[in-house]
mmCIF file of all heavy atoms, coordinates in Angstrom:
data_MODEL
# 
_entry.id   MODEL 
# 
loop_
_atom_site.group_PDB 
_atom_site.id 
_atom_site.type_symbol 
_atom_site.label_atom_id 
_atom_site.label_alt_id 
_atom_site.label_comp_id 
_atom_site.label_asym_id 
_atom_site.label_entity_id 
_atom_site.label_seq_id 
_atom_site.pdbx_PDB_ins_code 
_atom_site.Cartn_x 
_atom_site.Cartn_y 
_atom_site.Cartn_z 
_atom_site.occupancy 
_atom_site.B_iso_or_equiv 
_atom_site.pdbx_formal_charge 
_atom_site.auth_seq_id 
_atom_site.auth_comp_id 
_atom_site.auth_asym_id 
_atom_site.auth_atom_id 
_atom_site.pdbx_PDB_model_num 
ATOM 1   N N   . LEU A 1 1  ? 57.497 -38.969 60.074 1.00 0.00 ? 1  LEU A N   1 
ATOM 2   C CA  . LEU A 1 1  ? 58.483 -38.856 59.133 1.00 0.00 ? 1  LEU A CA  1 
ATOM 3   C C   . LEU A 1 1  ? 59.842 -38.614 59.784 1.00 0.00 ? 1  LEU A C   1 
ATOM 4   O O   . LEU A 1 1  ? 60.898 -39.172 59.464 1.00 0.00 ? 1  LEU A O   1 
ATOM 5   C CB  . LEU A 1 1  ? 58.212 -37.733 58.138 1.00 0.00 ? 1  LEU A CB  1 
ATOM 6   C CG  . LEU A 1 1  ? 59.258 -37.474 57.150 1.00 0.00 ? 1  LEU A CG  1 
ATOM 7   C CD1 . LEU A 1 1  ? 59.538 -38.698 56.266 1.00 0.00 ? 1  LEU A CD1 1 
ATOM 8   C CD2 . LEU A 1 1  ? 58.777 -36.255 56.205 1.00 0.00 ? 1  LEU A CD2 1 
ATOM 9   N N   . ALA A 1 2  ? 59.820 -37.782 60.772 1.00 0.00 ? 2  ALA A N   1 
ATOM 10  C CA  . ALA A 1 2  ? 61.114 -37.557 61.610 1.00 0.00 ? 2  ALA A CA  1 
ATOM 11  C C   . ALA A 1 2  ? 61.708 -38.817 62.257 1.00 0.00 ? 2  ALA A C   1 
ATOM 12  O O   . ALA A 1 2  ? 62.880 -39.043 62.215 1.00 0.00 ? 2  ALA A O   1 
ATOM 13  C CB  . ALA A 1 2  ? 60.891 -36.406 62.719 1.00 0.00 ? 2  ALA A CB  1 
ATOM 14  N N   . ALA A 1 3  ? 60.750 -39.695 62.767 1.00 0.00 ? 3  ALA A N   1 
ATOM 15  C CA  . ALA A 1 3  ? 61.192 -40.908 63.369 1.00 0.00 ? 3  ALA A CA  1 
ATOM 16  C C   . ALA A 1 3  ? 61.712 -41.992 62.268 1.00 0.00 ? 3  ALA A C   1 
ATOM 17  O O   . ALA A 1 3  ? 62.731 -42.599 62.539 1.00 0.00 ? 3  ALA A O   1 
ATOM 18  C CB  . ALA A 1 3  ? 59.907 -41.535 64.049 1.00 0.00 ? 3  ALA A CB  1 
ATOM 19  N N   . LEU A 1 4  ? 60.983 -41.834 61.109 1.00 0.00 ? 4  LEU A N   1 
ATOM 20  C CA  . LEU A 1 4  ? 61.615 -42.699 60.004 1.00 0.00 ? 4  LEU A CA  1 
ATOM 21  C C   . LEU A 1 4  ? 62.979 -42.335 59.507 1.00 0.00 ? 4  LEU A C   1 
ATOM 22  O O   . LEU A 1 4  ? 63.856 -43.182 59.248 1.00 0.00 ? 4  LEU A O   1 
ATOM 23  C CB  . LEU A 1 4  ? 60.521 -42.715 58.832 1.00 0.00 ? 4  LEU A CB  1 
ATOM 24  C CG  . LEU A 1 4  ? 60.906 -43.514 57.625 1.00 0.00 ? 4  LEU A CG  1 
ATOM 25  C CD1 . LEU A 1 4  ? 61.012 -45.031 58.009 1.00 0.00 ? 4  LEU A CD1 1 
ATOM 26  C CD2 . LEU A 1 4  ? 59.863 -43.381 56.569 1.00 0.00 ? 4  LEU A CD2 1 
ATOM 27  N N   . LEU A 1 5  ? 63.132 -40.979 59.364 1.00 0.00 ? 5  LEU A N   1 
ATOM 28  C CA  . LEU A 1 5  ? 64.434 -40.483 59.036 1.00 0.00 ? 5  LEU A CA  1 
ATOM 29  C C   . LEU A 1 5  ? 65.539 -40.770 60.138 1.00 0.00 ? 5  LEU A C   1 
ATOM 30  O O   . LEU A 1 5  ? 66.764 -41.053 59.733 1.00 0.00 ? 5  LEU A O   1 
ATOM 31  C CB  . LEU A 1 5  ? 64.356 -38.995 58.764 1.00 0.00 ? 5  LEU A CB  1 
ATOM 32  C CG  . LEU A 1 5  ? 63.522 -38.509 57.528 1.00 0.00 ? 5  LEU A CG  1 
ATOM 33  C CD1 . LEU A 1 5  ? 63.428 -37.104 57.397 1.00 0.00 ? 5  LEU A CD1 1 
ATOM 34  C CD2 . LEU A 1 5  ? 64.164 -39.088 56.274 1.00 0.00 ? 5  LEU A CD2 1 
ATOM 35  N N   . SER A 1 6  ? 65.057 -40.686 61.339 1.00 0.00 ? 6  SER A N   1 
ATOM 36  C CA  . SER A 1 6  ? 66.036 -41.166 62.378 1.00 0.00 ? 6  SER A CA  1 
ATOM 37  C C   . SER A 1 6  ? 66.484 -42.488 62.363 1.00 0.00 ? 6  SER A C   1 
ATOM 38  O O   . SER A 1 6  ? 67.694 -42.851 62.400 1.00 0.00 ? 6  SER A O   1 
ATOM 39  C CB  . SER A 1 6  ? 65.439 -40.799 63.748 1.00 0.00 ? 6  SER A CB  1 
ATOM 40  O OG  . SER A 1 6  ? 65.107 -39.461 63.834 1.00 0.00 ? 6  SER A OG  1 
ATOM 41  N N   . ALA A 1 7  ? 65.551 -43.423 62.087 1.00 0.00 ? 7  ALA A N   1 
ATOM 42  C CA  . ALA A 1 7  ? 65.777 -44.852 61.903 1.00 0.00 ? 7  ALA A CA  1 
ATOM 43  C C   . ALA A 1 7  ? 66.737 -45.022 60.655 1.00 0.00 ? 7  ALA A C   1 
ATOM 44  O O   . ALA A 1 7  ? 67.496 -45.958 60.805 1.00 0.00 ? 7  ALA A O   1 
ATOM 45  C CB  . ALA A 1 7  ? 64.555 -45.634 61.805 1.00 0.00 ? 7  ALA A CB  1 
ATOM 46  N N   . THR A 1 8  ? 66.442 -44.325 59.681 1.00 0.00 ? 8  THR A N   1 
ATOM 47  C CA  . THR A 1 8  ? 67.267 -44.575 58.411 1.00 0.00 ? 8  THR A CA  1 
ATOM 48  C C   . THR A 1 8  ? 68.648 -44.058 58.743 1.00 0.00 ? 8  THR A C   1 
ATOM 49  O O   . THR A 1 8  ? 69.703 -44.735 58.326 1.00 0.00 ? 8  THR A O   1 
ATOM 50  C CB  . THR A 1 8  ? 66.657 -43.740 57.152 1.00 0.00 ? 8  THR A CB  1 
ATOM 51  O OG1 . THR A 1 8  ? 65.321 -43.990 57.025 1.00 0.00 ? 8  THR A OG1 1 
ATOM 52  C CG2 . THR A 1 8  ? 67.483 -43.825 56.042 1.00 0.00 ? 8  THR A CG2 1 
ATOM 53  N N   . GLY A 1 9  ? 68.792 -42.909 59.511 1.00 0.00 ? 9  GLY A N   1 
ATOM 54  C CA  . GLY A 1 9  ? 70.211 -42.485 59.798 1.00 0.00 ? 9  GLY A CA  1 
ATOM 55  C C   . GLY A 1 9  ? 70.915 -43.484 60.623 1.00 0.00 ? 9  GLY A C   1 
ATOM 56  O O   . GLY A 1 9  ? 72.101 -43.710 60.528 1.00 0.00 ? 9  GLY A O   1 
ATOM 57  N N   . VAL A 1 10 ? 70.210 -44.225 61.610 1.00 0.00 ? 10 VAL A N   1 
ATOM 58  C CA  . VAL A 1 10 ? 70.887 -45.317 62.365 1.00 0.00 ? 10 VAL A CA  1 
ATOM 59  C C   . VAL A 1 10 ? 71.281 -46.506 61.330 1.00 0.00 ? 10 VAL A C   1 
ATOM 60  O O   . VAL A 1 10 ? 72.454 -47.063 61.499 1.00 0.00 ? 10 VAL A O   1 
ATOM 61  C CB  . VAL A 1 10 ? 69.976 -45.818 63.448 1.00 0.00 ? 10 VAL A CB  1 
ATOM 62  C CG1 . VAL A 1 10 ? 70.590 -47.032 64.086 1.00 0.00 ? 10 VAL A CG1 1 
ATOM 63  C CG2 . VAL A 1 10 ? 69.711 -44.851 64.439 1.00 0.00 ? 10 VAL A CG2 1 
ATOM 64  N N   . ALA A 1 11 ? 70.444 -46.832 60.480 1.00 0.00 ? 11 ALA A N   1 
ATOM 65  C CA  . ALA A 1 11 ? 70.804 -47.835 59.479 1.00 0.00 ? 11 ALA A CA  1 
ATOM 66  C C   . ALA A 1 11 ? 72.035 -47.436 58.735 1.00 0.00 ? 11 ALA A C   1 
ATOM 67  O O   . ALA A 1 11 ? 72.943 -48.364 58.438 1.00 0.00 ? 11 ALA A O   1 
ATOM 68  C CB  . ALA A 1 11 ? 69.584 -48.157 58.545 1.00 0.00 ? 11 ALA A CB  1 
ATOM 69  N N   . ILE A 1 12 ? 72.128 -46.188 58.194 1.00 0.00 ? 12 ILE A N   1 
ATOM 70  C CA  . ILE A 1 12 ? 73.275 -45.721 57.434 1.00 0.00 ? 12 ILE A CA  1 
ATOM 71  C C   . ILE A 1 12 ? 74.568 -45.868 58.359 1.00 0.00 ? 12 ILE A C   1 
ATOM 72  O O   . ILE A 1 12 ? 75.682 -46.137 57.923 1.00 0.00 ? 12 ILE A O   1 
ATOM 73  C CB  . ILE A 1 12 ? 73.157 -44.322 57.074 1.00 0.00 ? 12 ILE A CB  1 
ATOM 74  C CG1 . ILE A 1 12 ? 71.918 -44.156 55.986 1.00 0.00 ? 12 ILE A CG1 1 
ATOM 75  C CG2 . ILE A 1 12 ? 74.378 -43.659 56.475 1.00 0.00 ? 12 ILE A CG2 1 
ATOM 76  C CD1 . ILE A 1 12 ? 71.557 -42.792 55.688 1.00 0.00 ? 12 ILE A CD1 1 
ATOM 77  N N   . ALA A 1 13 ? 74.395 -45.543 59.718 1.00 0.00 ? 13 ALA A N   1 
ATOM 78  C CA  . ALA A 1 13 ? 75.603 -45.630 60.596 1.00 0.00 ? 13 ALA A CA  1 
ATOM 79  C C   . ALA A 1 13 ? 76.013 -47.128 60.589 1.00 0.00 ? 13 ALA A C   1 
ATOM 80  O O   . ALA A 1 13 ? 77.182 -47.464 60.716 1.00 0.00 ? 13 ALA A O   1 
ATOM 81  C CB  . ALA A 1 13 ? 75.300 -45.208 62.062 1.00 0.00 ? 13 ALA A CB  1 
ATOM 82  N N   . ILE A 1 14 ? 75.120 -48.035 60.613 1.00 0.00 ? 14 ILE A N   1 
ATOM 83  C CA  . ILE A 1 14 ? 75.574 -49.472 60.630 1.00 0.00 ? 14 ILE A CA  1 
ATOM 84  C C   . ILE A 1 14 ? 76.228 -49.856 59.378 1.00 0.00 ? 14 ILE A C   1 
ATOM 85  O O   . ILE A 1 14 ? 77.263 -50.547 59.358 1.00 0.00 ? 14 ILE A O   1 
ATOM 86  C CB  . ILE A 1 14 ? 74.235 -50.350 60.845 1.00 0.00 ? 14 ILE A CB  1 
ATOM 87  C CG1 . ILE A 1 14 ? 73.666 -50.052 62.234 1.00 0.00 ? 14 ILE A CG1 1 
ATOM 88  C CG2 . ILE A 1 14 ? 74.590 -51.785 60.645 1.00 0.00 ? 14 ILE A CG2 1 
ATOM 89  C CD1 . ILE A 1 14 ? 72.270 -50.863 62.411 1.00 0.00 ? 14 ILE A CD1 1 
ATOM 90  N N   . VAL A 1 15 ? 75.638 -49.337 58.265 1.00 0.00 ? 15 VAL A N   1 
ATOM 91  C CA  . VAL A 1 15 ? 76.387 -49.605 56.993 1.00 0.00 ? 15 VAL A CA  1 
ATOM 92  C C   . VAL A 1 15 ? 77.827 -49.034 57.019 1.00 0.00 ? 15 VAL A C   1 
ATOM 93  O O   . VAL A 1 15 ? 78.883 -49.681 56.659 1.00 0.00 ? 15 VAL A O   1 
ATOM 94  C CB  . VAL A 1 15 ? 75.644 -49.037 55.824 1.00 0.00 ? 15 VAL A CB  1 
ATOM 95  C CG1 . VAL A 1 15 ? 76.463 -49.006 54.516 1.00 0.00 ? 15 VAL A CG1 1 
ATOM 96  C CG2 . VAL A 1 15 ? 74.270 -49.803 55.573 1.00 0.00 ? 15 VAL A CG2 1 
ATOM 97  N N   . GLN A 1 16 ? 77.973 -47.854 57.480 1.00 0.00 ? 16 GLN A N   1 
ATOM 98  C CA  . GLN A 1 16 ? 79.339 -47.156 57.538 1.00 0.00 ? 16 GLN A CA  1 
ATOM 99  C C   . GLN A 1 16 ? 80.219 -47.919 58.455 1.00 0.00 ? 16 GLN A C   1 
ATOM 100 O O   . GLN A 1 16 ? 81.379 -48.016 58.145 1.00 0.00 ? 16 GLN A O   1 
ATOM 101 C CB  . GLN A 1 16 ? 79.130 -45.719 57.974 1.00 0.00 ? 16 GLN A CB  1 
ATOM 102 C CG  . GLN A 1 16 ? 78.515 -44.831 57.000 1.00 0.00 ? 16 GLN A CG  1 
ATOM 103 C CD  . GLN A 1 16 ? 78.241 -43.386 57.547 1.00 0.00 ? 16 GLN A CD  1 
ATOM 104 O OE1 . GLN A 1 16 ? 78.488 -43.156 58.796 1.00 0.00 ? 16 GLN A OE1 1 
ATOM 105 N NE2 . GLN A 1 16 ? 77.902 -42.423 56.674 1.00 0.00 ? 16 GLN A NE2 1 
ATOM 106 N N   . LEU A 1 17 ? 79.758 -48.530 59.467 1.00 0.00 ? 17 LEU A N   1 
ATOM 107 C CA  . LEU A 1 17 ? 80.474 -49.302 60.491 1.00 0.00 ? 17 LEU A CA  1 
ATOM 108 C C   . LEU A 1 17 ? 80.929 -50.615 59.889 1.00 0.00 ? 17 LEU A C   1 
ATOM 109 O O   . LEU A 1 17 ? 81.941 -51.176 60.151 1.00 0.00 ? 17 LEU A O   1 
ATOM 110 C CB  . LEU A 1 17 ? 79.778 -49.440 61.743 1.00 0.00 ? 17 LEU A CB  1 
ATOM 111 C CG  . LEU A 1 17 ? 80.598 -49.889 62.894 1.00 0.00 ? 17 LEU A CG  1 
ATOM 112 C CD1 . LEU A 1 17 ? 81.653 -49.018 63.317 1.00 0.00 ? 17 LEU A CD1 1 
ATOM 113 C CD2 . LEU A 1 17 ? 79.595 -50.020 64.225 1.00 0.00 ? 17 LEU A CD2 1 
ATOM 114 N N   . ALA A 1 18 ? 80.068 -51.216 59.016 1.00 0.00 ? 18 ALA A N   1 
ATOM 115 C CA  . ALA A 1 18 ? 80.242 -52.574 58.614 1.00 0.00 ? 18 ALA A CA  1 
ATOM 116 C C   . ALA A 1 18 ? 81.415 -52.464 57.487 1.00 0.00 ? 18 ALA A C   1 
ATOM 117 O O   . ALA A 1 18 ? 82.231 -53.458 57.312 1.00 0.00 ? 18 ALA A O   1 
ATOM 118 C CB  . ALA A 1 18 ? 78.994 -53.093 57.877 1.00 0.00 ? 18 ALA A CB  1 
ATOM 119 N N   . GLU A 1 19 ? 81.587 -51.373 56.809 1.00 0.00 ? 19 GLU A N   1 
ATOM 120 C CA  . GLU A 1 19 ? 82.480 -51.300 55.689 1.00 0.00 ? 19 GLU A CA  1 
ATOM 121 C C   . GLU A 1 19 ? 83.911 -51.529 56.134 1.00 0.00 ? 19 GLU A C   1 
ATOM 122 O O   . GLU A 1 19 ? 84.730 -52.255 55.451 1.00 0.00 ? 19 GLU A O   1 
ATOM 123 C CB  . GLU A 1 19 ? 82.351 -49.998 54.963 1.00 0.00 ? 19 GLU A CB  1 
ATOM 124 C CG  . GLU A 1 19 ? 81.050 -49.905 54.101 1.00 0.00 ? 19 GLU A CG  1 
ATOM 125 C CD  . GLU A 1 19 ? 80.715 -48.684 53.296 1.00 0.00 ? 19 GLU A CD  1 
ATOM 126 O OE1 . GLU A 1 19 ? 81.484 -47.576 53.688 1.00 0.00 ? 19 GLU A OE1 1 
ATOM 127 O OE2 . GLU A 1 19 ? 80.122 -48.665 52.351 1.00 0.00 ? 19 GLU A OE2 1 
ATOM 128 N N   . PRO A 1 20 ? 84.416 -50.686 57.306 1.00 0.00 ? 20 PRO A N   1 
ATOM 129 C CA  . PRO A 1 20 ? 85.700 -51.110 57.714 1.00 0.00 ? 20 PRO A CA  1 
ATOM 130 C C   . PRO A 1 20 ? 86.057 -52.464 58.153 1.00 0.00 ? 20 PRO A C   1 
ATOM 131 O O   . PRO A 1 20 ? 87.059 -53.036 57.989 1.00 0.00 ? 20 PRO A O   1 
ATOM 132 C CB  . PRO A 1 20 ? 85.880 -50.079 58.920 1.00 0.00 ? 20 PRO A CB  1 
ATOM 133 C CG  . PRO A 1 20 ? 84.855 -49.064 58.623 1.00 0.00 ? 20 PRO A CG  1 
ATOM 134 C CD  . PRO A 1 20 ? 83.738 -49.702 58.039 1.00 0.00 ? 20 PRO A CD  1 
ATOM 135 N N   . VAL A 1 21 ? 85.026 -53.199 58.727 1.00 0.00 ? 21 VAL A N   1 
ATOM 136 C CA  . VAL A 1 21 ? 85.150 -54.526 59.146 1.00 0.00 ? 21 VAL A CA  1 
ATOM 137 C C   . VAL A 1 21 ? 85.298 -55.375 57.917 1.00 0.00 ? 21 VAL A C   1 
ATOM 138 O O   . VAL A 1 21 ? 86.263 -56.361 57.940 1.00 0.00 ? 21 VAL A O   1 
ATOM 139 C CB  . VAL A 1 21 ? 83.804 -55.016 59.855 1.00 0.00 ? 21 VAL A CB  1 
ATOM 140 C CG1 . VAL A 1 21 ? 84.010 -56.514 60.249 1.00 0.00 ? 21 VAL A CG1 1 
ATOM 141 C CG2 . VAL A 1 21 ? 83.738 -54.235 61.143 1.00 0.00 ? 21 VAL A CG2 1 
ATOM 142 N N   . LEU A 1 22 ? 84.387 -55.240 56.923 1.00 0.00 ? 22 LEU A N   1 
ATOM 143 C CA  . LEU A 1 22 ? 84.471 -56.047 55.551 1.00 0.00 ? 22 LEU A CA  1 
ATOM 144 C C   . LEU A 1 22 ? 85.793 -55.763 54.990 1.00 0.00 ? 22 LEU A C   1 
ATOM 145 O O   . LEU A 1 22 ? 86.385 -56.626 54.367 1.00 0.00 ? 22 LEU A O   1 
ATOM 146 C CB  . LEU A 1 22 ? 83.317 -55.644 54.751 1.00 0.00 ? 22 LEU A CB  1 
ATOM 147 C CG  . LEU A 1 22 ? 81.921 -56.053 55.225 1.00 0.00 ? 22 LEU A CG  1 
ATOM 148 C CD1 . LEU A 1 22 ? 80.781 -55.456 54.409 1.00 0.00 ? 22 LEU A CD1 1 
ATOM 149 C CD2 . LEU A 1 22 ? 81.906 -57.626 55.188 1.00 0.00 ? 22 LEU A CD2 1 
ATOM 150 N N   . PHE A 1 23 ? 86.302 -54.470 54.985 1.00 0.00 ? 23 PHE A N   1 
ATOM 151 C CA  . PHE A 1 23 ? 87.558 -54.161 54.333 1.00 0.00 ? 23 PHE A CA  1 
ATOM 152 C C   . PHE A 1 23 ? 88.752 -54.838 54.961 1.00 0.00 ? 23 PHE A C   1 
ATOM 153 O O   . PHE A 1 23 ? 89.474 -55.488 54.288 1.00 0.00 ? 23 PHE A O   1 
ATOM 154 C CB  . PHE A 1 23 ? 87.702 -52.679 54.318 1.00 0.00 ? 23 PHE A CB  1 
ATOM 155 C CG  . PHE A 1 23 ? 88.885 -52.110 53.590 1.00 0.00 ? 23 PHE A CG  1 
ATOM 156 C CD1 . PHE A 1 23 ? 89.184 -52.666 52.272 1.00 0.00 ? 23 PHE A CD1 1 
ATOM 157 C CD2 . PHE A 1 23 ? 89.722 -51.176 54.134 1.00 0.00 ? 23 PHE A CD2 1 
ATOM 158 C CE1 . PHE A 1 23 ? 90.269 -52.178 51.555 1.00 0.00 ? 23 PHE A CE1 1 
ATOM 159 C CE2 . PHE A 1 23 ? 90.796 -50.653 53.488 1.00 0.00 ? 23 PHE A CE2 1 
ATOM 160 C CZ  . PHE A 1 23 ? 91.131 -51.256 52.173 1.00 0.00 ? 23 PHE A CZ  1 
ATOM 161 N N   . GLY A 1 24 ? 88.708 -54.956 56.252 1.00 0.00 ? 24 GLY A N   1 
ATOM 162 C CA  . GLY A 1 24 ? 89.825 -55.565 56.961 1.00 0.00 ? 24 GLY A CA  1 
ATOM 163 C C   . GLY A 1 24 ? 89.871 -57.067 56.676 1.00 0.00 ? 24 GLY A C   1 
ATOM 164 O O   . GLY A 1 24 ? 90.900 -57.676 56.390 1.00 0.00 ? 24 GLY A O   1 
# 
């Protein structure tokens, strides 16, 4: 479960990073 949550955290980071690129 900890590993799954860690992977989900990385996915969220990718989403957060994609938003500024899409915004620009």
